[in-house]
Protein backbone atom coordinates (compact mmCIF):
# COMPACT_ATOMS: atom_id res chain seq x y z
CA UNK A 1 -26.27 73.97 15.40
CA UNK A 2 -26.48 73.37 19.26
CA UNK A 3 -25.76 76.05 21.78
CA UNK A 4 -22.50 75.48 23.43
CA UNK A 5 -22.61 74.58 27.21
CA UNK A 6 -20.03 76.45 29.43
CA UNK A 7 -21.36 75.19 32.68
CA UNK A 8 -19.05 74.44 35.39
CA UNK A 9 -19.63 71.06 37.39
CA UNK A 10 -16.87 71.61 39.96
CA UNK A 11 -17.17 75.29 41.12
CA UNK A 12 -18.40 75.54 44.45
CA UNK A 13 -19.66 79.03 45.89
CA UNK A 14 -21.56 77.80 48.81
CA UNK A 15 -20.51 79.76 51.79
CA UNK A 16 -18.50 82.21 49.86
CA UNK A 17 -18.90 85.98 49.86
CA UNK A 18 -19.21 87.38 46.43
CA UNK A 19 -19.09 90.88 45.20
CA UNK A 20 -20.35 92.13 41.71
CA UNK A 21 -19.26 95.85 40.53
CA UNK A 22 -21.93 96.83 37.95
CA UNK A 23 -24.27 94.58 39.77
CA UNK A 24 -27.49 96.10 38.14
CA UNK A 25 -26.33 95.85 34.57
CA UNK A 26 -27.75 93.22 32.29
CA UNK A 27 -24.78 90.89 33.06
CA UNK A 28 -24.73 91.72 36.81
CA UNK A 29 -28.39 90.88 37.33
CA UNK A 30 -28.50 87.31 35.22
CA UNK A 31 -25.25 86.56 37.19
CA UNK A 32 -26.75 87.29 40.48
CA UNK A 33 -30.08 85.36 39.45
CA UNK A 34 -27.76 82.23 38.65
CA UNK A 35 -25.79 82.28 41.73
CA UNK A 36 -28.59 82.34 43.91
CA UNK A 37 -30.38 79.59 41.91
CA UNK A 38 -27.32 77.31 41.93
CA UNK A 39 -25.21 78.23 45.24
CA UNK A 40 -25.90 79.26 48.77
CA UNK A 41 -23.61 82.07 49.35
CA UNK A 42 -22.79 83.43 52.55
CA UNK A 43 -22.92 86.99 50.96
CA UNK A 44 -23.72 88.22 47.57
CA UNK A 45 -22.90 91.91 47.41
CA UNK A 46 -24.61 93.99 44.45
CA UNK A 47 -22.14 97.11 44.22
CA UNK A 48 -23.26 99.92 41.53
CA UNK A 49 -23.63 103.65 41.56
CA UNK A 50 -27.27 103.73 40.46
CA UNK A 51 -29.92 103.64 43.58
CA UNK A 52 -32.94 103.55 41.05
CA UNK A 53 -31.67 100.45 39.47
CA UNK A 54 -30.73 99.07 43.04
CA UNK A 55 -34.53 99.43 44.10
CA UNK A 56 -35.86 98.06 40.79
CA UNK A 57 -33.35 94.98 41.19
CA UNK A 58 -34.52 94.51 45.11
CA UNK A 59 -37.84 94.22 43.73
CA UNK A 60 -36.87 91.04 41.86
CA UNK A 61 -34.43 89.71 44.19
CA UNK A 62 -35.78 91.11 47.73
CA UNK A 63 -33.46 90.95 50.79
CA UNK A 64 -36.61 89.49 52.57
CA UNK A 65 -36.62 86.52 50.24
CA UNK A 66 -32.89 86.21 49.78
CA UNK A 67 -30.93 86.79 52.89
CA UNK A 68 -27.68 86.60 51.41
CA UNK A 69 -27.81 89.46 49.04
CA UNK A 70 -26.70 92.87 49.87
CA UNK A 71 -27.20 96.21 47.86
CA UNK A 72 -24.34 98.39 48.38
CA UNK A 73 -24.11 101.86 46.56
CA UNK A 74 -20.62 102.96 45.48
CA UNK A 75 -18.59 103.77 42.34
CA UNK A 76 -15.64 101.99 41.11
CA UNK A 77 -13.96 105.37 40.99
CA UNK A 78 -14.06 105.61 44.85
CA UNK A 79 -11.30 103.51 46.06
CA UNK A 80 -12.08 103.90 49.92
CA UNK A 81 -15.76 102.79 49.22
CA UNK A 82 -14.48 99.73 47.28
CA UNK A 83 -12.16 98.80 50.05
CA UNK A 84 -15.15 98.92 52.57
CA UNK A 85 -17.04 96.64 50.19
CA UNK A 86 -14.60 94.14 49.87
CA UNK A 87 -13.81 93.44 53.26
CA UNK A 88 -14.13 89.56 54.01
CA UNK A 89 -15.00 88.81 50.26
CA UNK A 90 -13.61 85.89 48.47
CA UNK A 91 -14.59 86.34 45.09
CA UNK A 92 -15.15 89.86 43.08
CA UNK A 93 -16.74 90.02 39.42
CA UNK A 94 -15.78 93.34 37.75
CA UNK A 95 -18.58 93.92 35.42
CA UNK A 96 -18.79 97.81 35.86
CA UNK A 97 -17.51 99.84 32.92
CA UNK A 98 -18.45 102.76 30.66
CA UNK A 99 -19.42 100.91 27.49
CA UNK A 100 -21.00 103.43 24.90
CA UNK A 101 -18.24 104.15 22.12
CA UNK A 102 -19.79 107.51 21.11
CA UNK A 103 -20.03 108.50 24.69
CA UNK A 104 -16.65 107.51 25.31
CA UNK A 105 -15.07 109.45 22.61
CA UNK A 106 -17.08 112.53 23.52
CA UNK A 107 -16.00 112.38 27.38
CA UNK A 108 -12.68 110.72 27.06
CA UNK A 109 -11.65 111.28 30.58
CA UNK A 110 -14.84 110.03 32.14
CA UNK A 111 -14.18 106.66 30.19
CA UNK A 112 -10.58 106.53 31.47
CA UNK A 113 -11.66 107.49 35.02
CA UNK A 114 -14.08 104.68 35.26
CA UNK A 115 -12.62 101.63 33.02
CA UNK A 116 -8.96 102.48 33.86
CA UNK A 117 -8.68 104.12 37.19
CA UNK A 118 -11.63 102.05 38.14
CA UNK A 119 -9.76 98.79 37.45
CA UNK A 120 -6.65 100.11 39.39
CA UNK A 121 -9.18 100.68 42.50
CA UNK A 122 -10.79 97.26 42.23
CA UNK A 123 -6.88 95.97 42.00
CA UNK A 124 -5.94 97.85 45.23
CA UNK A 125 -9.16 97.00 47.30
CA UNK A 126 -8.78 93.66 46.61
CA UNK A 127 -5.18 93.33 47.66
CA UNK A 128 -5.99 95.27 50.75
CA UNK A 129 -8.62 92.85 51.76
CA UNK A 130 -6.88 89.58 50.56
CA UNK A 131 -9.67 88.79 48.26
CA UNK A 132 -9.00 85.25 46.74
CA UNK A 133 -10.16 85.69 43.12
CA UNK A 134 -10.84 88.55 41.00
CA UNK A 135 -12.45 88.14 37.30
CA UNK A 136 -12.98 91.10 35.04
CA UNK A 137 -15.21 91.25 32.25
CA UNK A 138 -13.67 92.76 29.08
CA UNK A 139 -14.79 93.10 25.39
CA UNK A 140 -13.73 91.90 21.84
CA UNK A 141 -13.16 95.64 21.33
CA UNK A 142 -9.87 95.39 23.57
CA UNK A 143 -8.17 93.43 21.02
CA UNK A 144 -6.39 95.62 18.41
CA UNK A 145 -8.66 98.59 19.71
CA UNK A 146 -9.58 101.32 17.40
CA UNK A 147 -11.80 103.41 19.65
CA UNK A 148 -11.38 104.76 23.10
CA UNK A 149 -13.59 102.37 24.85
CA UNK A 150 -11.74 99.38 23.41
CA UNK A 151 -8.15 101.04 24.42
CA UNK A 152 -9.42 101.73 27.83
CA UNK A 153 -10.47 98.04 28.31
CA UNK A 154 -7.15 97.10 26.78
CA UNK A 155 -5.65 99.11 29.39
CA UNK A 156 -7.98 97.54 32.33
CA UNK A 157 -6.85 93.98 31.18
CA UNK A 158 -3.24 94.90 31.48
CA UNK A 159 -3.68 96.25 34.73
CA UNK A 160 -5.61 93.13 36.03
CA UNK A 161 -3.30 90.77 34.46
CA UNK A 162 0.00 92.52 35.94
CA UNK A 163 -1.82 92.83 39.44
CA UNK A 164 -0.78 89.28 39.92
CA UNK A 165 2.68 90.39 40.16
CA UNK A 166 1.65 92.61 43.21
CA UNK A 167 -0.17 89.71 45.39
CA UNK A 168 2.80 88.35 46.98
CA UNK A 169 1.89 86.22 49.86
CA UNK A 170 -1.50 87.50 50.15
CA UNK A 171 -2.27 85.21 46.91
CA UNK A 172 -5.20 87.20 45.27
CA UNK A 173 -5.50 85.81 41.64
CA UNK A 174 -6.53 88.13 38.96
CA UNK A 175 -7.93 87.01 35.58
CA UNK A 176 -9.87 88.40 32.51
CA UNK A 177 -12.78 87.20 30.53
CA UNK A 178 -13.23 88.49 27.00
CA UNK A 179 -16.17 87.72 24.62
CA UNK A 180 -18.44 89.23 21.69
CA UNK A 181 -21.64 90.56 21.24
CA UNK A 182 -24.51 89.57 23.51
CA UNK A 183 -27.71 88.58 21.84
CA UNK A 184 -30.50 90.99 22.65
CA UNK A 185 -28.32 93.19 24.87
CA UNK A 186 -29.12 96.86 25.12
CA UNK A 187 -27.99 98.38 21.76
CA UNK A 188 -27.74 94.88 20.01
CA UNK A 189 -28.49 95.06 16.22
CA UNK A 190 -31.04 91.77 16.96
CA UNK A 191 -33.85 93.73 18.98
CA UNK A 192 -33.36 96.50 16.54
CA UNK A 193 -33.84 94.35 13.25
CA UNK A 194 -36.77 92.91 15.22
CA UNK A 195 -38.36 96.28 16.01
CA UNK A 196 -38.11 96.98 12.04
CA UNK A 197 -39.80 93.53 11.49
CA UNK A 198 -42.50 94.62 13.64
CA UNK A 199 -43.10 97.93 12.06
CA UNK A 200 -43.08 96.59 8.61
CA UNK A 201 -40.14 99.11 7.67
CA UNK A 202 -39.35 99.80 4.05
CA UNK A 203 -35.95 98.48 4.37
CA UNK A 204 -33.18 97.29 6.56
CA UNK A 205 -30.25 99.47 7.22
CA UNK A 206 -27.04 97.41 6.97
CA UNK A 207 -23.73 99.05 7.65
CA UNK A 208 -21.67 96.85 5.39
CA UNK A 209 -22.71 93.46 3.78
CA UNK A 210 -19.29 92.03 4.63
CA UNK A 211 -19.70 92.79 8.32
CA UNK A 212 -19.57 89.93 10.61
CA UNK A 213 -19.66 89.71 14.66
CA UNK A 214 -19.19 87.16 17.33
CA UNK A 215 -22.43 86.17 18.86
CA UNK A 216 -22.92 84.78 22.52
CA UNK A 217 -26.19 84.65 24.74
CA UNK A 218 -26.41 86.37 28.06
CA UNK A 219 -26.65 82.90 29.86
CA UNK A 220 -23.85 81.63 28.00
CA UNK A 221 -21.69 84.60 29.34
CA UNK A 222 -22.70 83.94 32.72
CA UNK A 223 -21.74 80.42 32.55
CA UNK A 224 -18.65 81.26 30.82
CA UNK A 225 -17.74 83.55 33.68
CA UNK A 226 -18.25 80.97 36.48
CA UNK A 227 -16.70 78.24 34.73
CA UNK A 228 -13.54 80.63 34.30
CA UNK A 229 -13.51 81.26 38.01
CA UNK A 230 -13.34 77.62 38.58
CA UNK A 231 -10.33 77.05 36.34
CA UNK A 232 -8.39 80.67 36.55
CA UNK A 233 -4.73 80.40 37.97
CA UNK A 234 -4.05 84.17 37.38
CA UNK A 235 -2.95 86.34 34.62
CA UNK A 236 -5.11 84.56 31.73
CA UNK A 237 -7.53 86.06 29.44
CA UNK A 238 -10.45 83.63 28.61
CA UNK A 239 -12.29 83.65 25.26
CA UNK A 240 -15.40 81.27 24.51
CA UNK A 241 -15.52 79.28 21.22
CA UNK A 242 -18.50 81.02 20.02
CA UNK A 243 -20.05 81.24 16.44
CA UNK A 244 -19.88 84.15 13.96
CA UNK A 245 -22.53 85.44 11.54
CA UNK A 246 -22.34 87.88 8.71
CA UNK A 247 -24.77 90.97 9.26
CA UNK A 248 -26.74 90.33 6.04
CA UNK A 249 -27.47 87.01 7.01
CA UNK A 250 -28.71 88.09 10.39
CA UNK A 251 -31.01 90.65 8.75
CA UNK A 252 -32.11 87.88 6.26
CA UNK A 253 -33.25 85.56 9.14
CA UNK A 254 -34.70 88.32 11.55
CA UNK A 255 -36.53 90.49 8.71
CA UNK A 256 -36.89 88.03 5.88
CA UNK A 257 -37.97 89.42 2.23
CA UNK A 258 -36.93 93.17 3.46
CA UNK A 259 -34.55 94.95 1.12
CA UNK A 260 -31.25 96.08 2.41
CA UNK A 261 -29.77 99.69 2.20
CA UNK A 262 -26.09 100.22 2.92
CA UNK A 263 -25.55 102.87 5.37
CA UNK A 264 -21.78 102.79 5.85
CA UNK A 265 -19.78 101.79 9.04
CA UNK A 266 -20.26 104.03 12.15
CA UNK A 267 -17.29 105.71 13.62
CA UNK A 268 -15.09 103.78 15.76
CA UNK A 269 -16.38 100.52 14.48
CA UNK A 270 -14.53 97.58 12.84
CA UNK A 271 -15.73 95.65 9.79
CA UNK A 272 -14.62 92.35 11.60
CA UNK A 273 -14.24 91.80 15.57
CA UNK A 274 -11.04 89.98 16.92
CA UNK A 275 -10.58 88.17 20.07
CA UNK A 276 -7.19 86.92 19.88
CA UNK A 277 -4.70 89.07 17.70
CA UNK A 278 -2.10 87.47 15.83
CA UNK A 279 0.66 88.48 17.98
CA UNK A 280 -1.29 86.88 21.26
CA UNK A 281 -1.55 83.77 19.53
CA UNK A 282 1.99 82.77 20.49
CA UNK A 283 0.74 82.67 23.93
CA UNK A 284 -2.54 81.14 23.36
CA UNK A 285 -3.62 77.47 24.37
CA UNK A 286 -7.03 75.82 23.66
CA UNK A 287 -9.50 73.70 25.48
CA UNK A 288 -12.65 72.34 23.77
CA UNK A 289 -14.63 75.29 24.63
CA UNK A 290 -12.37 78.22 24.85
CA UNK A 291 -9.05 79.92 24.10
CA UNK A 292 -6.64 81.01 26.96
CA UNK A 293 -4.11 83.71 26.50
CA UNK A 294 -1.59 82.94 28.97
CA UNK A 295 0.35 85.88 30.26
CA UNK A 296 3.53 86.92 28.47
CA UNK A 297 5.09 88.86 31.20
CA UNK A 298 4.98 86.86 34.74
CA UNK A 299 6.98 86.96 37.87
CA UNK A 300 4.33 85.17 39.91
CA UNK A 301 4.07 81.37 40.20
CA UNK A 302 2.18 80.49 36.96
CA UNK A 303 1.01 76.86 35.95
CA UNK A 304 0.19 76.75 32.18
CA UNK A 305 -2.94 75.04 31.52
CA UNK A 306 -0.85 72.96 28.94
CA UNK A 307 -0.05 70.77 32.15
CA UNK A 308 -3.68 69.95 32.75
CA UNK A 309 -4.78 69.15 29.22
CA UNK A 310 -4.98 72.25 27.13
CA UNK A 311 -3.15 72.43 23.78
CA UNK A 312 -1.26 74.78 21.84
CA UNK A 313 -2.84 76.56 18.92
CA UNK A 314 -1.65 76.54 15.61
CA UNK A 315 1.27 78.66 14.44
CA UNK A 316 -0.16 81.84 13.03
CA UNK A 317 -3.45 81.49 15.09
CA UNK A 318 -5.63 84.47 15.27
CA UNK A 319 -9.38 84.33 16.04
CA UNK A 320 -11.44 86.75 14.18
CA UNK A 321 -15.07 86.86 13.23
CA UNK A 322 -14.53 86.47 9.53
CA UNK A 323 -12.02 83.87 9.94
CA UNK A 324 -14.07 81.73 12.34
CA UNK A 325 -14.39 77.83 11.95
CA UNK A 326 -17.79 78.13 13.57
CA UNK A 327 -20.71 80.04 12.06
CA UNK A 328 -24.54 80.56 12.91
CA UNK A 329 -27.11 79.52 10.30
CA UNK A 330 -30.85 80.34 10.56
CA UNK A 331 -31.58 77.67 13.23
CA UNK A 332 -28.58 78.49 15.22
CA UNK A 333 -29.56 81.96 15.55
CA UNK A 334 -33.33 81.48 16.22
CA UNK A 335 -32.24 79.10 18.93
CA UNK A 336 -30.01 81.84 20.46
CA UNK A 337 -32.82 84.34 20.29
CA UNK A 338 -35.41 82.15 21.94
CA UNK A 339 -32.84 81.37 24.61
CA UNK A 340 -32.50 85.04 25.06
CA UNK A 341 -36.47 85.59 25.12
CA UNK A 342 -36.70 82.88 27.74
CA UNK A 343 -33.93 84.39 30.02
CA UNK A 344 -35.80 87.59 29.89
CA UNK A 345 -39.36 86.02 30.55
CA UNK A 346 -37.89 84.55 33.62
């Protein structure tokens, strides 16, 4: 299967000021690289709380070479610092989050302060500064959540969608992007399986032979975010149409011939992931490359994507990794892994 292209041909970020929270993370760094390559922004602000990661990132994207880039130390928990960072900003990409499921369960209030309070702080800082567009990154774990990380991201999604009610004459628009597992990301099962193959391990630990997951590359994720900025009206959740793969099939491709050992599903983990729950299907429309959950509660002026070419999904629609119409085969998985390796090398 071919890798889906989410590139936007009409988005223009030239002369714009863009701020990325969590800008030193995997997504943030790849997003910054793409913006610098494709556009000529007035400013590109990397907002994060880790000075070491900012120092390391500045070795790859030095200010001397990229005069638009700014490295801004700050935490999304700090509303005043966010307010200062967003002065004269046009577009905000909110990628900062506490993401590890076990850490979130053990430190629940830390997760809430970053993912929920942080979302509210981003909203208020954006409104205070008249930011034009805010796009927040979510996760498939926010749909029908079973762990605190997913629940906190669902709350975050609701905060950003409801923020459109507050913008009034300011006109700030807030939307959300939700996608699945990123090939090769930190904590991903793919590099884990690759390491087992290199070590010639005696077996591959499999949580459950039936388990399925959605898969997307980091480059696809960045392209999807950029294209969603282009078409967002405020209040939508954008979901890419991406393939699924069974975990045992994944292991057979990455470590062929190695026996499997079922070790059981980890706490807080689902057998299958879902990105559009059945009850959200009633508000979902589709384009060729994505689904869009349109806002159920809206007191702001909202123009449905149905008016510009989207189609309603079928009655009873849900989008889950086990009921997906699109599946990765061995060739497709290898193509995704190669793209991931290519991106890392660059």
